[in-house]
Every structure is written in structure tokens, then in C-alpha cells.
């Protein structure tokens, strides 16, 4: 296996973990703790496609990351952000800048 294959396998494992084992982990919590979320992964995926001259919509990239449409995933897994989560997110954003 070469580096690209190893990185691809690792990325697939990350998506599997997020989508199958931990769909309960909210994007806002990922943003607070890690500074990125599933939507960021979709944006990076779309940017990588663009770098290879592959056109990809935001929705298509999100579907690749979430394993289903973003709307379906949100309906199943996304909960409203609590006041505490919003405050923690704002603190994390301010610390990052």
C-alpha cells in the first residue's frame, strides 16, 4: 500500500466511525473540541475535487461525507444546540482567531 491508499483507508474509517458508530456526536461539539465538523470535511472534499478539476456541488460533497443527504442526516441525528453549546462554540471561535 502506498501513502495515498493508506490515507484513503483512514479517511473511510473516519467517516464510518462518525456515521455508524458516533452519529450522536453533534457537529457543534466537533467544532468546539476539534475546530472542524462533518460540514468542514465536506467542504474539504469538494475543494479536493475542484483541485482535480472535478465539479461537485455542496450537497453532493455532504452526501459523500454523511452517507446520505444532509437533510436526512439532520432529521435523524441533529438536535437543537443548547445555550451551553452555543456559548462554548463562540468561545472556541474567539480563541481560534
Protein backbone atom coordinates (compact mmCIF):
# COMPACT_ATOMS: atom_id res chain seq x y z
CA UNK A 1 0.00 0.00 0.00
CA UNK A 2 1.19 3.47 -0.77
CA UNK A 3 0.62 6.64 1.22
CA UNK A 4 -2.45 7.71 -0.78
CA UNK A 5 -4.10 4.32 -0.26
CA UNK A 6 -3.35 4.42 3.48
CA UNK A 7 -4.71 7.95 3.76
CA UNK A 8 -7.85 6.97 1.80
CA UNK A 9 -8.43 3.95 4.04
CA UNK A 10 -8.00 6.14 7.11
CA UNK A 11 -10.47 8.69 5.74
CA UNK A 12 -13.02 5.96 5.00
CA UNK A 13 -12.58 4.65 8.55
CA UNK A 14 -13.12 8.15 9.98
CA UNK A 15 -16.37 8.52 8.01
CA UNK A 16 -17.51 5.06 9.07
CA UNK A 17 -16.79 5.90 12.70
CA UNK A 18 -18.66 9.21 12.55
CA UNK A 19 -21.62 7.86 10.57
CA UNK A 20 -22.08 4.40 12.04
CA UNK A 21 -20.58 4.38 15.49
CA UNK A 22 -21.00 8.01 16.59
CA UNK A 23 -23.81 9.74 14.70
CA UNK A 24 -24.80 11.05 18.14
CA UNK A 25 -21.78 13.36 18.20
CA UNK A 26 -23.14 16.70 17.14
CA UNK A 27 -21.33 18.91 14.63
CA UNK A 28 -21.28 21.78 17.11
CA UNK A 29 -19.45 19.58 19.62
CA UNK A 30 -16.89 18.62 16.97
CA UNK A 31 -16.41 22.32 16.19
CA UNK A 32 -15.97 23.17 19.87
CA UNK A 33 -13.48 20.40 20.54
CA UNK A 34 -11.67 19.93 17.25
CA UNK A 35 -12.29 23.07 15.21
CA UNK A 36 -13.90 21.12 12.35
CA UNK A 37 -17.06 19.12 11.74
CA UNK A 38 -18.66 16.94 9.11
CA UNK A 39 -19.56 20.01 7.06
CA UNK A 40 -15.90 21.06 7.09
CA UNK A 41 -14.95 17.60 5.82
CA UNK A 42 -17.48 18.01 3.01
CA UNK A 43 -16.02 21.41 2.13
CA UNK A 44 -12.50 19.97 2.09
CA UNK A 45 -13.71 17.05 -0.05
CA UNK A 46 -15.27 19.47 -2.54
CA UNK A 47 -12.09 21.60 -2.57
CA UNK A 48 -10.02 18.48 -3.28
CA UNK A 49 -12.35 17.62 -6.15
CA UNK A 50 -12.04 21.15 -7.53
CA UNK A 51 -8.25 20.87 -7.36
CA UNK A 52 -8.62 17.87 -9.69
CA UNK A 53 -10.98 19.83 -11.98
CA UNK A 54 -13.96 17.81 -10.78
CA UNK A 55 -17.15 19.79 -10.32
CA UNK A 56 -19.06 18.85 -7.20
CA UNK A 57 -21.98 20.52 -5.53
CA UNK A 58 -22.05 21.28 -1.83
CA UNK A 59 -24.94 18.82 -1.49
CA UNK A 60 -23.06 16.02 -3.29
CA UNK A 61 -20.00 16.51 -1.10
CA UNK A 62 -22.13 16.46 2.05
CA UNK A 63 -23.86 13.29 0.89
CA UNK A 64 -20.45 11.65 0.46
CA UNK A 65 -19.43 12.63 3.99
CA UNK A 66 -22.73 11.91 5.74
CA UNK A 67 -23.53 8.74 3.79
CA UNK A 68 -26.97 10.16 2.98
CA UNK A 69 -28.40 13.55 2.18
CA UNK A 70 -27.62 16.22 4.75
CA UNK A 71 -31.35 16.79 5.26
CA UNK A 72 -31.91 13.08 6.04
CA UNK A 73 -28.98 13.03 8.45
CA UNK A 74 -30.17 16.21 10.20
CA UNK A 75 -33.68 14.83 10.62
CA UNK A 76 -32.32 11.63 12.20
CA UNK A 77 -29.42 12.90 14.29
CA UNK A 78 -29.14 16.65 14.72
CA UNK A 79 -30.51 18.14 17.91
CA UNK A 80 -31.00 21.83 18.59
CA UNK A 81 -27.87 23.38 20.07
CA UNK A 82 -28.14 24.15 23.76
CA UNK A 83 -27.27 27.55 25.20
CA UNK A 84 -24.16 25.94 26.70
CA UNK A 85 -23.07 24.55 23.33
CA UNK A 86 -23.59 27.90 21.62
CA UNK A 87 -21.58 29.69 24.32
CA UNK A 88 -18.78 27.11 24.11
CA UNK A 89 -18.78 27.39 20.30
CA UNK A 90 -18.49 31.18 20.48
CA UNK A 91 -15.64 30.91 22.99
CA UNK A 92 -13.83 28.40 20.78
CA UNK A 93 -14.28 30.63 17.73
CA UNK A 94 -12.93 33.65 19.58
CA UNK A 95 -9.91 31.67 20.82
CA UNK A 96 -9.17 30.46 17.29
CA UNK A 97 -8.99 33.98 15.91
